[in-house]
Amino acid sequence: MSFSLDHVQLVVPPGGIEQAARFYGEVVGLERIERPATLGGVGAWFRAGPQELHVSEHDGFVAAVKAHPAFKLSAADLEALGARVKAVGAEVRWDYRLPRARRFYSFDPAGNRLEFLTRD
């Protein structure tokens, strides 16, 4: 059997999708892709390499403070992203505990935990 990860779903509170879309598109730099209208509801989809990030509004929203997606990028891109995230006032917490990796944690505007890393 062969399989891979297709997408990760994150939720934001009602009314939070445009702020999330700006963060993931303009700050993180993900490409926004079309979300099928047949799905209904409110959401935004993004391409993250061969995988996708799906963000939608949810009435019972609770921020994911431990569970999180981890985005892998080059060392140069990681540094630049850390600067962009910090420039918009979001927390950038560098973590050096993972061997052969450089990473930081942050939170999207809704409070969902995110990891960004590069590996040796």
PDB file of N, CA and C in Angstrom:
ATOM      1  N   MET A   1       0.852  -1.178   0.000  1.00  0.00           N
ATOM      2  CA  MET A   1       0.000   0.000   0.000  1.00  0.00           C
ATOM      3  C   MET A   1       0.898   1.241   0.000  1.00  0.00           C
ATOM      4  N   SER A   2       0.531   2.190  -0.826  1.00  0.00           N
ATOM      5  CA  SER A   2       1.279   3.436  -0.905  1.00  0.00           C
ATOM      6  C   SER A   2       0.315   4.607  -0.752  1.00  0.00           C
ATOM      7  N   PHE A   3       0.677   5.531   0.110  1.00  0.00           N
ATOM      8  CA  PHE A   3      -0.149   6.724   0.261  1.00  0.00           C
ATOM      9  C   PHE A   3       0.706   7.882   0.730  1.00  0.00           C
ATOM     10  N   SER A   4       0.154   9.075   0.636  1.00  0.00           N
ATOM     11  CA  SER A   4       0.838  10.279   1.095  1.00  0.00           C
ATOM     12  C   SER A   4      -0.201  11.234   1.659  1.00  0.00           C
ATOM     13  N   LEU A   5       0.270  12.274   2.278  1.00  0.00           N
ATOM     14  CA  LEU A   5      -0.618  13.281   2.859  1.00  0.00           C
ATOM     15  C   LEU A   5      -1.118  14.204   1.752  1.00  0.00           C
ATOM     16  N   ASP A   6      -2.430  14.353   1.640  1.00  0.00           N
ATOM     17  CA  ASP A   6      -3.035  15.204   0.615  1.00  0.00           C
ATOM     18  C   ASP A   6      -3.217  16.636   1.106  1.00  0.00           C
ATOM     19  N   HIS A   7      -3.779  16.799   2.303  1.00  0.00           N
ATOM     20  CA  HIS A   7      -4.013  18.143   2.831  1.00  0.00           C
ATOM     21  C   HIS A   7      -4.140  18.121   4.351  1.00  0.00           C
ATOM     22  N   VAL A   8      -4.022  19.299   4.924  1.00  0.00           N
ATOM     23  CA  VAL A   8      -4.257  19.530   6.345  1.00  0.00           C
ATOM     24  C   VAL A   8      -5.383  20.542   6.439  1.00  0.00           C
ATOM     25  N   GLN A   9      -6.308  20.317   7.352  1.00  0.00           N
ATOM     26  CA  GLN A   9      -7.450  21.216   7.561  1.00  0.00           C
ATOM     27  C   GLN A   9      -7.252  21.982   8.868  1.00  0.00           C
ATOM     28  N   LEU A  10      -7.346  23.295   8.811  1.00  0.00           N
ATOM     29  CA  LEU A  10      -7.364  24.145  10.000  1.00  0.00           C
ATOM     30  C   LEU A  10      -8.678  24.910  10.008  1.00  0.00           C
ATOM     31  N   VAL A  11      -9.154  25.245  11.192  1.00  0.00           N
ATOM     32  CA  VAL A  11     -10.376  26.035  11.284  1.00  0.00           C
ATOM     33  C   VAL A  11     -10.096  27.356  11.975  1.00  0.00           C
ATOM     34  N   VAL A  12     -10.938  28.322  11.668  1.00  0.00           N
ATOM     35  CA  VAL A  12     -10.885  29.655  12.262  1.00  0.00           C
ATOM     36  C   VAL A  12     -12.298  30.008  12.704  1.00  0.00           C
ATOM     37  N   PRO A  13     -12.453  30.998  13.572  1.00  0.00           N
ATOM     38  CA  PRO A  13     -13.805  31.362  14.008  1.00  0.00           C
ATOM     39  C   PRO A  13     -14.599  32.023  12.883  1.00  0.00           C
ATOM     40  N   PRO A  14     -15.913  32.045  12.994  1.00  0.00           N
ATOM     41  CA  PRO A  14     -16.741  32.724  11.997  1.00  0.00           C
ATOM     42  C   PRO A  14     -16.252  34.160  11.783  1.00  0.00           C
ATOM     43  N   GLY A  15     -16.150  34.553  10.524  1.00  0.00           N
ATOM     44  CA  GLY A  15     -15.670  35.889  10.181  1.00  0.00           C
ATOM     45  C   GLY A  15     -14.156  35.986  10.076  1.00  0.00           C
ATOM     46  N   GLY A  16     -13.430  34.901  10.317  1.00  0.00           N
ATOM     47  CA  GLY A  16     -11.970  34.948  10.342  1.00  0.00           C
ATOM     48  C   GLY A  16     -11.272  34.503   9.079  1.00  0.00           C
ATOM     49  N   ILE A  17     -12.026  34.121   8.056  1.00  0.00           N
ATOM     50  CA  ILE A  17     -11.383  33.526   6.882  1.00  0.00           C
ATOM     51  C   ILE A  17     -10.548  34.529   6.093  1.00  0.00           C
ATOM     52  N   GLU A  18     -10.977  35.762   5.949  1.00  0.00           N
ATOM     53  CA  GLU A  18     -10.197  36.727   5.160  1.00  0.00           C
ATOM     54  C   GLU A  18      -8.885  37.082   5.848  1.00  0.00           C
ATOM     55  N   GLN A  19      -8.915  37.220   7.170  1.00  0.00           N
ATOM     56  CA  GLN A  19      -7.679  37.487   7.910  1.00  0.00           C
ATOM     57  C   GLN A  19      -6.729  36.295   7.777  1.00  0.00           C
ATOM     58  N   ALA A  20      -7.263  35.088   7.867  1.00  0.00           N
ATOM     59  CA  ALA A  20      -6.446  33.884   7.697  1.00  0.00           C
ATOM     60  C   ALA A  20      -5.889  33.811   6.281  1.00  0.00           C
ATOM     61  N   ALA A  21      -6.709  34.135   5.287  1.00  0.00           N
ATOM     62  CA  ALA A  21      -6.270  34.088   3.892  1.00  0.00           C
ATOM     63  C   ALA A  21      -5.133  35.079   3.641  1.00  0.00           C
ATOM     64  N   ARG A  22      -5.220  36.264   4.214  1.00  0.00           N
ATOM     65  CA  ARG A  22      -4.128  37.242   4.074  1.00  0.00           C
ATOM     66  C   ARG A  22      -2.853  36.713   4.728  1.00  0.00           C
ATOM     67  N   PHE A  23      -2.980  36.125   5.914  1.00  0.00           N
ATOM     68  CA  PHE A  23      -1.811  35.604   6.623  1.00  0.00           C
ATOM     69  C   PHE A  23      -1.140  34.487   5.820  1.00  0.00           C
ATOM     70  N   TYR A  24      -1.910  33.474   5.431  1.00  0.00           N
ATOM     71  CA  TYR A  24      -1.319  32.338   4.724  1.00  0.00           C
ATOM     72  C   TYR A  24      -0.862  32.705   3.317  1.00  0.00           C
ATOM     73  N   GLY A  25      -1.541  33.631   2.670  1.00  0.00           N
ATOM     74  CA  GLY A  25      -1.154  34.037   1.329  1.00  0.00           C
ATOM     75  C   GLY A  25      -0.045  35.067   1.309  1.00  0.00           C
ATOM     76  N   GLU A  26      -0.243  36.194   1.993  1.00  0.00           N
ATOM     77  CA  GLU A  26       0.700  37.313   1.914  1.00  0.00           C
ATOM     78  C   GLU A  26       1.896  37.168   2.842  1.00  0.00           C
ATOM     79  N   VAL A  27       1.690  36.674   4.049  1.00  0.00           N
ATOM     80  CA  VAL A  27       2.796  36.573   5.008  1.00  0.00           C
ATOM     81  C   VAL A  27       3.560  35.266   4.815  1.00  0.00           C
ATOM     82  N   VAL A  28       2.853  34.146   4.883  1.00  0.00           N
ATOM     83  CA  VAL A  28       3.515  32.847   4.725  1.00  0.00           C
ATOM     84  C   VAL A  28       3.956  32.636   3.277  1.00  0.00           C
ATOM     85  N   GLY A  29       3.170  33.120   2.323  1.00  0.00           N
ATOM     86  CA  GLY A  29       3.554  33.022   0.920  1.00  0.00           C
ATOM     87  C   GLY A  29       3.009  31.812   0.191  1.00  0.00           C
ATOM     88  N   LEU A  30       1.954  31.195   0.728  1.00  0.00           N
ATOM     89  CA  LEU A  30       1.339  30.063   0.042  1.00  0.00           C
ATOM     90  C   LEU A  30       0.469  30.556  -1.107  1.00  0.00           C
ATOM     91  N   GLU A  31       0.387  29.762  -2.151  1.00  0.00           N
ATOM     92  CA  GLU A  31      -0.449  30.085  -3.308  1.00  0.00           C
ATOM     93  C   GLU A  31      -1.897  29.722  -2.992  1.00  0.00           C
ATOM     94  N   ARG A  32      -2.784  30.699  -3.116  1.00  0.00           N
ATOM     95  CA  ARG A  32      -4.205  30.413  -2.903  1.00  0.00           C
ATOM     96  C   ARG A  32      -4.751  29.720  -4.146  1.00  0.00           C
ATOM     97  N   ILE A  33      -5.470  28.629  -3.930  1.00  0.00           N
ATOM     98  CA  ILE A  33      -6.036  27.861  -5.036  1.00  0.00           C
ATOM     99  C   ILE A  33      -7.554  27.825  -4.905  1.00  0.00           C
ATOM    100  N   GLU A  34      -8.199  27.431  -5.980  1.00  0.00           N
ATOM    101  CA  GLU A  34      -9.661  27.428  -5.990  1.00  0.00           C
ATOM    102  C   GLU A  34     -10.222  26.380  -5.033  1.00  0.00           C
ATOM    103  N   ARG A  35     -11.224  26.786  -4.281  1.00  0.00           N
ATOM    104  CA  ARG A  35     -11.961  25.882  -3.394  1.00  0.00           C
ATOM    105  C   ARG A  35     -13.288  25.582  -4.081  1.00  0.00           C
ATOM    106  N   PRO A  36     -13.623  24.304  -4.273  1.00  0.00           N
ATOM    107  CA  PRO A  36     -14.859  23.974  -4.984  1.00  0.00           C
ATOM    108  C   PRO A  36     -16.095  24.597  -4.337  1.00  0.00           C
ATOM    109  N   ALA A  37     -16.885  25.292  -5.131  1.00  0.00           N
ATOM    110  CA  ALA A  37     -18.108  25.937  -4.636  1.00  0.00           C
ATOM    111  C   ALA A  37     -19.111  24.910  -4.133  1.00  0.00           C
ATOM    112  N   THR A  38     -19.015  23.687  -4.624  1.00  0.00           N
ATOM    113  CA  THR A  38     -19.955  22.634  -4.217  1.00  0.00           C
ATOM    114  C   THR A  38     -19.820  22.264  -2.748  1.00  0.00           C
ATOM    115  N   LEU A  39     -18.713  22.661  -2.114  1.00  0.00           N
ATOM    116  CA  LEU A  39     -18.507  22.329  -0.701  1.00  0.00           C
ATOM    117  C   LEU A  39     -19.360  23.180   0.231  1.00  0.00           C
ATOM    118  N   GLY A  40     -19.773  24.352  -0.230  1.00  0.00           N
ATOM    119  CA  GLY A  40     -20.538  25.251   0.634  1.00  0.00           C
ATOM    120  C   GLY A  40     -19.664  25.791   1.755  1.00  0.00           C
ATOM    121  N   GLY A  41     -20.270  26.521   2.650  1.00  0.00           N
ATOM    122  CA  GLY A  41     -19.527  27.087   3.773  1.00  0.00           C
ATOM    123  C   GLY A  41     -18.541  28.147   3.326  1.00  0.00           C
ATOM    124  N   VAL A  42     -17.684  28.536   4.248  1.00  0.00           N
ATOM    125  CA  VAL A  42     -16.703  29.588   3.999  1.00  0.00           C
ATOM    126  C   VAL A  42     -15.316  29.011   4.233  1.00  0.00           C
ATOM    127  N   GLY A  43     -14.430  29.191   3.262  1.00  0.00           N
ATOM    128  CA  GLY A  43     -13.088  28.658   3.418  1.00  0.00           C
ATOM    129  C   GLY A  43     -12.135  29.181   2.373  1.00  0.00           C
ATOM    130  N   ALA A  44     -10.873  28.824   2.534  1.00  0.00           N
ATOM    131  CA  ALA A  44      -9.817  29.180   1.590  1.00  0.00           C
ATOM    132  C   ALA A  44      -8.837  28.015   1.536  1.00  0.00           C
ATOM    133  N   TRP A  45      -8.397  27.688   0.332  1.00  0.00           N
ATOM    134  CA  TRP A  45      -7.435  26.610   0.140  1.00  0.00           C
ATOM    135  C   TRP A  45      -6.127  27.182  -0.386  1.00  0.00           C
ATOM    136  N   PHE A  46      -5.027  26.524  -0.003  1.00  0.00           N
ATOM    137  CA  PHE A  46      -3.689  26.960  -0.398  1.00  0.00           C
ATOM    138  C   PHE A  46      -2.849  25.765  -0.800  1.00  0.00           C
ATOM    139  N   ARG A  47      -1.916  25.995  -1.720  1.00  0.00           N
ATOM    140  CA  ARG A  47      -0.958  24.964  -2.097  1.00  0.00           C
ATOM    141  C   ARG A  47       0.283  25.142  -1.233  1.00  0.00           C
ATOM    142  N   ALA A  48       0.744  24.029  -0.664  1.00  0.00           N
ATOM    143  CA  ALA A  48       1.966  24.007   0.139  1.00  0.00           C
ATOM    144  C   ALA A  48       2.830  22.883  -0.417  1.00  0.00           C
ATOM    145  N   GLY A  49       3.589  23.171  -1.481  1.00  0.00           N
ATOM    146  CA  GLY A  49       4.320  22.114  -2.173  1.00  0.00           C
ATOM    147  C   GLY A  49       3.311  21.191  -2.832  1.00  0.00           C
ATOM    148  N   PRO A  50       3.497  19.874  -2.724  1.00  0.00           N
ATOM    149  CA  PRO A  50       2.529  18.948  -3.319  1.00  0.00           C
ATOM    150  C   PRO A  50       1.277  18.754  -2.459  1.00  0.00           C
ATOM    151  N   GLN A  51       1.293  19.285  -1.259  1.00  0.00           N
ATOM    152  CA  GLN A  51       0.137  19.170  -0.374  1.00  0.00           C
ATOM    153  C   GLN A  51      -0.660  20.472  -0.383  1.00  0.00           C
ATOM    154  N   GLU A  52      -1.811  20.410   0.284  1.00  0.00           N
ATOM    155  CA  GLU A  52      -2.665  21.590   0.388  1.00  0.00           C
ATOM    156  C   GLU A  52      -2.985  21.885   1.845  1.00  0.00           C
ATOM    157  N   LEU A  53      -3.258  23.152   2.104  1.00  0.00           N
ATOM    158  CA  LEU A  53      -3.759  23.599   3.396  1.00  0.00           C
ATOM    159  C   LEU A  53      -5.175  24.098   3.159  1.00  0.00           C
ATOM    160  N   HIS A  54      -6.128  23.544   3.876  1.00  0.00           N
ATOM    161  CA  HIS A  54      -7.529  23.957   3.777  1.00  0.00           C
ATOM    162  C   HIS A  54      -7.898  24.674   5.067  1.00  0.00           C
ATOM    163  N   VAL A  55      -8.421  25.869   4.952  1.00  0.00           N
ATOM    164  CA  VAL A  55      -8.830  26.661   6.112  1.00  0.00           C
ATOM    165  C   VAL A  55     -10.313  26.954   5.960  1.00  0.00           C
ATOM    166  N   SER A  56     -11.072  26.696   7.009  1.00  0.00           N
ATOM    167  CA  SER A  56     -12.506  26.982   6.949  1.00  0.00           C
ATOM    168  C   SER A  56     -12.988  27.541   8.276  1.00  0.00           C
ATOM    169  N   GLU A  57     -14.115  28.211   8.214  1.00  0.00           N
ATOM    170  CA  GLU A  57     -14.728  28.758   9.424  1.00  0.00           C
ATOM    171  C   GLU A  57     -15.529  27.666  10.116  1.00  0.00           C
ATOM    172  N   HIS A  58     -15.528  27.729  11.448  1.00  0.00           N
ATOM    173  CA  HIS A  58     -16.253  26.721  12.233  1.00  0.00           C
ATOM    174  C   HIS A  58     -16.870  27.406  13.449  1.00  0.00           C
ATOM    175  N   ASP A  59     -18.174  27.206  13.627  1.00  0.00           N
ATOM    176  CA  ASP A  59     -18.890  27.842  14.744  1.00  0.00           C
ATOM    177  C   ASP A  59     -18.322  27.466  16.103  1.00  0.00           C
ATOM    178  N   GLY A  60     -17.895  26.232  16.268  1.00  0.00           N
ATOM    179  CA  GLY A  60     -17.363  25.780  17.553  1.00  0.00           C
ATOM    180  C   GLY A  60     -15.854  25.885  17.627  1.00  0.00           C
ATOM    181  N   PHE A  61     -15.283  26.898  16.988  1.00  0.00           N
ATOM    182  CA  PHE A  61     -13.827  27.038  16.889  1.00  0.00           C
ATOM    183  C   PHE A  61     -13.132  27.029  18.245  1.00  0.00           C
ATOM    184  N   VAL A  62     -12.077  26.233  18.324  1.00  0.00           N
ATOM    185  CA  VAL A  62     -11.127  26.249  19.437  1.00  0.00           C
ATOM    186  C   VAL A  62      -9.748  26.154  18.785  1.00  0.00           C
ATOM    187  N   ALA A  63      -8.862  27.079  19.094  1.00  0.00           N
ATOM    188  CA  ALA A  63      -7.535  27.089  18.477  1.00  0.00           C
ATOM    189  C   ALA A  63      -6.765  25.822  18.826  1.00  0.00           C
ATOM    190  N   ALA A  64      -6.026  25.308  17.850  1.00  0.00           N
ATOM    191  CA  ALA A  64      -5.153  24.157  18.070  1.00  0.00           C
ATOM    192  C   ALA A  64      -3.846  24.669  18.662  1.00  0.00           C
ATOM    193  N   VAL A  65      -3.678  24.531  19.965  1.00  0.00           N
ATOM    194  CA  VAL A  65      -2.498  25.094  20.625  1.00  0.00           C
ATOM    195  C   VAL A  65      -1.340  24.103  20.730  1.00  0.00           C
ATOM    196  N   LYS A  66      -1.582  22.825  20.501  1.00  0.00           N
ATOM    197  CA  LYS A  66      -0.507  21.828  20.501  1.00  0.00           C
ATOM    198  C   LYS A  66      -0.409  21.150  19.130  1.00  0.00           C
ATOM    199  N   ALA A  67      -1.526  20.600  18.646  1.00  0.00           N
ATOM    200  CA  ALA A  67      -1.529  19.996  17.310  1.00  0.00           C
ATOM    201  C   ALA A  67      -1.230  21.090  16.293  1.00  0.00           C
ATOM    202  N   HIS A  68      -0.464  20.747  15.244  1.00  0.00           N
ATOM    203  CA  HIS A  68      -0.089  21.782  14.284  1.00  0.00           C
ATOM    204  C   HIS A  68       0.439  21.176  12.994  1.00  0.00           C
ATOM    205  N   PRO A  69       0.299  21.896  11.886  1.00  0.00           N
ATOM    206  CA  PRO A  69       1.006  21.502  10.673  1.00  0.00           C
ATOM    207  C   PRO A  69       2.438  22.021  10.756  1.00  0.00           C
ATOM    208  N   ALA A  70       3.356  21.312  10.104  1.00  0.00           N
ATOM    209  CA  ALA A  70       4.751  21.745  10.032  1.00  0.00           C
ATOM    210  C   ALA A  70       5.095  21.952   8.561  1.00  0.00           C
ATOM    211  N   PHE A  71       5.527  23.144   8.229  1.00  0.00           N
ATOM    212  CA  PHE A  71       5.860  23.510   6.856  1.00  0.00           C
ATOM    213  C   PHE A  71       7.379  23.470   6.687  1.00  0.00           C
ATOM    214  N   LYS A  72       7.861  22.697   5.721  1.00  0.00           N
ATOM    215  CA  LYS A  72       9.297  22.572   5.472  1.00  0.00           C
ATOM    216  C   LYS A  72       9.704  23.519   4.344  1.00  0.00           C
ATOM    217  N   LEU A  73      10.793  24.274   4.553  1.00  0.00           N
ATOM    218  CA  LEU A  73      11.293  25.190   3.539  1.00  0.00           C
ATOM    219  C   LEU A  73      12.798  25.299   3.628  1.00  0.00           C
ATOM    220  N   SER A  74      13.421  25.985   2.685  1.00  0.00           N
ATOM    221  CA  SER A  74      14.874  26.136   2.681  1.00  0.00           C
ATOM    222  C   SER A  74      15.309  27.025   3.837  1.00  0.00           C
ATOM    223  N   ALA A  75      16.598  26.945   4.180  1.00  0.00           N
ATOM    224  CA  ALA A  75      17.127  27.744   5.284  1.00  0.00           C
ATOM    225  C   ALA A  75      16.955  29.240   5.021  1.00  0.00           C
ATOM    226  N   ALA A  76      17.248  29.682   3.803  1.00  0.00           N
ATOM    227  CA  ALA A  76      17.102  31.107   3.474  1.00  0.00           C
ATOM    228  C   ALA A  76      15.645  31.538   3.562  1.00  0.00           C
ATOM    229  N   ASP A  77      14.753  30.699   3.054  1.00  0.00           N
ATOM    230  CA  ASP A  77      13.331  31.028   3.111  1.00  0.00           C
ATOM    231  C   ASP A  77      12.815  31.031   4.544  1.00  0.00           C
ATOM    232  N   LEU A  78      13.356  30.147   5.384  1.00  0.00           N
ATOM    233  CA  LEU A  78      12.940  30.098   6.785  1.00  0.00           C
ATOM    234  C   LEU A  78      13.270  31.411   7.489  1.00  0.00           C
ATOM    235  N   GLU A  79      14.469  31.911   7.287  1.00  0.00           N
ATOM    236  CA  GLU A  79      14.880  33.181   7.903  1.00  0.00           C
ATOM    237  C   GLU A  79      13.996  34.330   7.426  1.00  0.00           C
ATOM    238  N   ALA A  80      13.752  34.389   6.123  1.00  0.00           N
ATOM    239  CA  ALA A  80      12.921  35.460   5.565  1.00  0.00           C
ATOM    240  C   ALA A  80      11.494  35.369   6.087  1.00  0.00           C
ATOM    241  N   LEU A  81      10.962  34.158   6.176  1.00  0.00           N
ATOM    242  CA  LEU A  81       9.609  33.982   6.691  1.00  0.00           C
ATOM    243  C   LEU A  81       9.530  34.400   8.150  1.00  0.00           C
ATOM    244  N   GLY A  82      10.521  34.018   8.944  1.00  0.00           N
ATOM    245  CA  GLY A  82      10.536  34.431  10.345  1.00  0.00           C
ATOM    246  C   GLY A  82      10.467  35.945  10.475  1.00  0.00           C
ATOM    247  N   ALA A  83      11.191  36.650   9.619  1.00  0.00           N
ATOM    248  CA  ALA A  83      11.174  38.114   9.645  1.00  0.00           C
ATOM    249  C   ALA A  83       9.807  38.659   9.245  1.00  0.00           C
ATOM    250  N   ARG A  84       9.176  38.072   8.224  1.00  0.00           N
ATOM    251  CA  ARG A  84       7.847  38.539   7.797  1.00  0.00           C
ATOM    252  C   ARG A  84       6.796  38.294   8.874  1.00  0.00           C
ATOM    253  N   VAL A  85       6.844  37.126   9.481  1.00  0.00           N
ATOM    254  CA  VAL A  85       5.876  36.793  10.534  1.00  0.00           C
ATOM    255  C   VAL A  85       6.033  37.761  11.704  1.00  0.00           C
ATOM    256  N   LYS A  86       7.266  38.007  12.094  1.00  0.00           N
ATOM    257  CA  LYS A  86       7.527  38.939  13.200  1.00  0.00           C
ATOM    258  C   LYS A  86       7.082  40.358  12.836  1.00  0.00           C
ATOM    259  N   ALA A  87       7.270  40.749  11.584  1.00  0.00           N
ATOM    260  CA  ALA A  87       6.916  42.099  11.135  1.00  0.00           C
ATOM    261  C   ALA A  87       5.422  42.380  11.229  1.00  0.00           C
ATOM    262  N   VAL A  88       4.586  41.345  11.151  1.00  0.00           N
ATOM    263  CA  VAL A  88       3.138  41.557  11.275  1.00  0.00           C
ATOM    264  C   VAL A  88       2.668  41.404  12.721  1.00  0.00           C
ATOM    265  N   GLY A  89       3.626  41.266  13.639  1.00  0.00           N
ATOM    266  CA  GLY A  89       3.282  41.220  15.055  1.00  0.00           C
ATOM    267  C   GLY A  89       2.987  39.843  15.612  1.00  0.00           C
ATOM    268  N   ALA A  90       3.216  38.805  14.819  1.00  0.00           N
ATOM    269  CA  ALA A  90       2.993  37.443  15.315  1.00  0.00           C
ATOM    270  C   ALA A  90       4.242  36.961  16.048  1.00  0.00           C
ATOM    271  N   GLU A  91       4.036  36.092  17.003  1.00  0.00           N
ATOM    272  CA  GLU A  91       5.143  35.514  17.763  1.00  0.00           C
ATOM    273  C   GLU A  91       5.993  34.633  16.858  1.00  0.00           C
ATOM    274  N   VAL A  92       7.305  34.709  17.029  1.00  0.00           N
ATOM    275  CA  VAL A  92       8.250  33.805  16.380  1.00  0.00           C
ATOM    276  C   VAL A  92       9.104  33.223  17.496  1.00  0.00           C
ATOM    277  N   ARG A  93       8.899  31.942  17.785  1.00  0.00           N
ATOM    278  CA  ARG A  93       9.639  31.289  18.869  1.00  0.00           C
ATOM    279  C   ARG A  93      10.560  30.220  18.273  1.00  0.00           C
ATOM    280  N   TRP A  94      11.842  30.535  18.217  1.00  0.00           N
ATOM    281  CA  TRP A  94      12.819  29.589  17.682  1.00  0.00           C
ATOM    282  C   TRP A  94      12.997  28.444  18.667  1.00  0.00           C
ATOM    283  N   ASP A  95      13.172  27.241  18.132  1.00  0.00           N
ATOM    284  CA  ASP A  95      13.331  26.038  18.952  1.00  0.00           C
ATOM    285  C   ASP A  95      14.488  25.234  18.360  1.00  0.00           C
ATOM    286  N   TYR A  96      15.505  24.975  19.185  1.00  0.00           N
ATOM    287  CA  TYR A  96      16.721  24.321  18.703  1.00  0.00           C
ATOM    288  C   TYR A  96      16.848  22.886  19.201  1.00  0.00           C
ATOM    289  N   ARG A  97      15.782  22.316  19.722  1.00  0.00           N
ATOM    290  CA  ARG A  97      15.862  20.988  20.333  1.00  0.00           C
ATOM    291  C   ARG A  97      15.857  19.838  19.333  1.00  0.00           C
ATOM    292  N   LEU A  98      15.387  20.037  18.124  1.00  0.00           N
ATOM    293  CA  LEU A  98      15.306  18.960  17.141  1.00  0.00           C
ATOM    294  C   LEU A  98      16.651  18.830  16.423  1.00  0.00           C
ATOM    295  N   PRO A  99      17.321  17.668  16.556  1.00  0.00           N
ATOM    296  CA  PRO A  99      18.628  17.496  15.908  1.00  0.00           C
ATOM    297  C   PRO A  99      18.539  17.690  14.396  1.00  0.00           C
ATOM    298  N   ARG A 100      19.578  18.311  13.839  1.00  0.00           N
ATOM    299  CA  ARG A 100      19.724  18.517  12.392  1.00  0.00           C
ATOM    300  C   ARG A 100      18.562  19.282  11.771  1.00  0.00           C
ATOM    301  N   ALA A 101      17.980  20.165  12.542  1.00  0.00           N
ATOM    302  CA  ALA A 101      16.875  20.984  12.024  1.00  0.00           C
ATOM    303  C   ALA A 101      16.942  22.363  12.658  1.00  0.00           C
ATOM    304  N   ARG A 102      16.409  23.325  11.955  1.00  0.00           N
ATOM    305  CA  ARG A 102      16.227  24.682  12.485  1.00  0.00           C
ATOM    306  C   ARG A 102      14.755  24.979  12.287  1.00  0.00           C
ATOM    307  N   ARG A 103      14.107  25.470  13.345  1.00  0.00           N
ATOM    308  CA  ARG A 103      12.665  25.676  13.247  1.00  0.00           C
ATOM    309  C   ARG A 103      12.193  26.784  14.170  1.00  0.00           C
ATOM    310  N   PHE A 104      10.992  27.282  13.846  1.00  0.00           N
ATOM    311  CA  PHE A 104      10.316  28.186  14.766  1.00  0.00           C
ATOM    312  C   PHE A 104       8.838  27.864  14.777  1.00  0.00           C
ATOM    313  N   TYR A 105       8.232  28.231  15.895  1.00  0.00           N
ATOM    314  CA  TYR A 105       6.788  28.086  16.064  1.00  0.00           C
ATOM    315  C   TYR A 105       6.164  29.468  16.041  1.00  0.00           C
ATOM    316  N   SER A 106       4.940  29.518  15.565  1.00  0.00           N
ATOM    317  CA  SER A 106       4.170  30.749  15.566  1.00  0.00           C
ATOM    318  C   SER A 106       2.696  30.373  15.639  1.00  0.00           C
ATOM    319  N   PHE A 107       1.851  31.373  15.519  1.00  0.00           N
ATOM    320  CA  PHE A 107       0.404  31.165  15.543  1.00  0.00           C
ATOM    321  C   PHE A 107      -0.224  31.999  14.446  1.00  0.00           C
ATOM    322  N   ASP A 108      -1.254  31.447  13.804  1.00  0.00           N
ATOM    323  CA  ASP A 108      -1.976  32.238  12.813  1.00  0.00           C
ATOM    324  C   ASP A 108      -2.874  33.237  13.540  1.00  0.00           C
ATOM    325  N   PRO A 109      -3.544  34.143  12.836  1.00  0.00           N
ATOM    326  CA  PRO A 109      -4.369  35.158  13.504  1.00  0.00           C
ATOM    327  C   PRO A 109      -5.471  34.585  14.394  1.00  0.00           C
ATOM    328  N   ALA A 110      -5.896  33.346  14.139  1.00  0.00           N
ATOM    329  CA  ALA A 110      -6.936  32.716  14.962  1.00  0.00           C
ATOM    330  C   ALA A 110      -6.357  32.016  16.183  1.00  0.00           C
ATOM    331  N   GLY A 111      -5.027  31.913  16.256  1.00  0.00           N
ATOM    332  CA  GLY A 111      -4.395  31.253  17.396  1.00  0.00           C
ATOM    333  C   GLY A 111      -3.993  29.813  17.153  1.00  0.00           C
ATOM    334  N   ASN A 112      -4.097  29.320  15.912  1.00  0.00           N
ATOM    335  CA  ASN A 112      -3.658  27.962  15.595  1.00  0.00           C
ATOM    336  C   ASN A 112      -2.138  27.896  15.572  1.00  0.00           C
ATOM    337  N   ARG A 113      -1.566  26.895  16.239  1.00  0.00           N
ATOM    338  CA  ARG A 113      -0.118  26.725  16.304  1.00  0.00           C
ATOM    339  C   ARG A 113       0.412  26.254  14.950  1.00  0.00           C
ATOM    340  N   LEU A 114       1.567  26.789  14.560  1.00  0.00           N
ATOM    341  CA  LEU A 114       2.215  26.451  13.292  1.00  0.00           C
ATOM    342  C   LEU A 114       3.697  26.220  13.531  1.00  0.00           C
ATOM    343  N   GLU A 115       4.280  25.317  12.770  1.00  0.00           N
ATOM    344  CA  GLU A 115       5.723  25.082  12.812  1.00  0.00           C
ATOM    345  C   GLU A 115       6.286  25.293  11.415  1.00  0.00           C
ATOM    346  N   PHE A 116       7.438  25.953  11.348  1.00  0.00           N
ATOM    347  CA  PHE A 116       8.147  26.167  10.090  1.00  0.00           C
ATOM    348  C   PHE A 116       9.575  25.687  10.308  1.00  0.00           C
ATOM    349  N   LEU A 117      10.086  24.831   9.406  1.00  0.00           N
ATOM    350  CA  LEU A 117      11.403  24.262   9.653  1.00  0.00           C
ATOM    351  C   LEU A 117      12.180  23.996   8.385  1.00  0.00           C
ATOM    352  N   THR A 118      13.492  23.838   8.583  1.00  0.00           N
ATOM    353  CA  THR A 118      14.393  23.360   7.549  1.00  0.00           C
ATOM    354  C   THR A 118      15.220  22.254   8.184  1.00  0.00           C
ATOM    355  N   ARG A 119      15.622  21.286   7.391  1.00  0.00           N
ATOM    356  CA  ARG A 119      16.432  20.169   7.892  1.00  0.00           C
ATOM    357  C   ARG A 119      17.764  20.141   7.154  1.00  0.00           C
ATOM    358  N   ASP A 120      18.802  19.697   7.871  1.00  0.00           N
ATOM    359  CA  ASP A 120      20.133  19.557   7.264  1.00  0.00           C
ATOM    360  C   ASP A 120      20.126  18.455   6.230  1.00  0.00           C
TER     361      ASP A 120
END
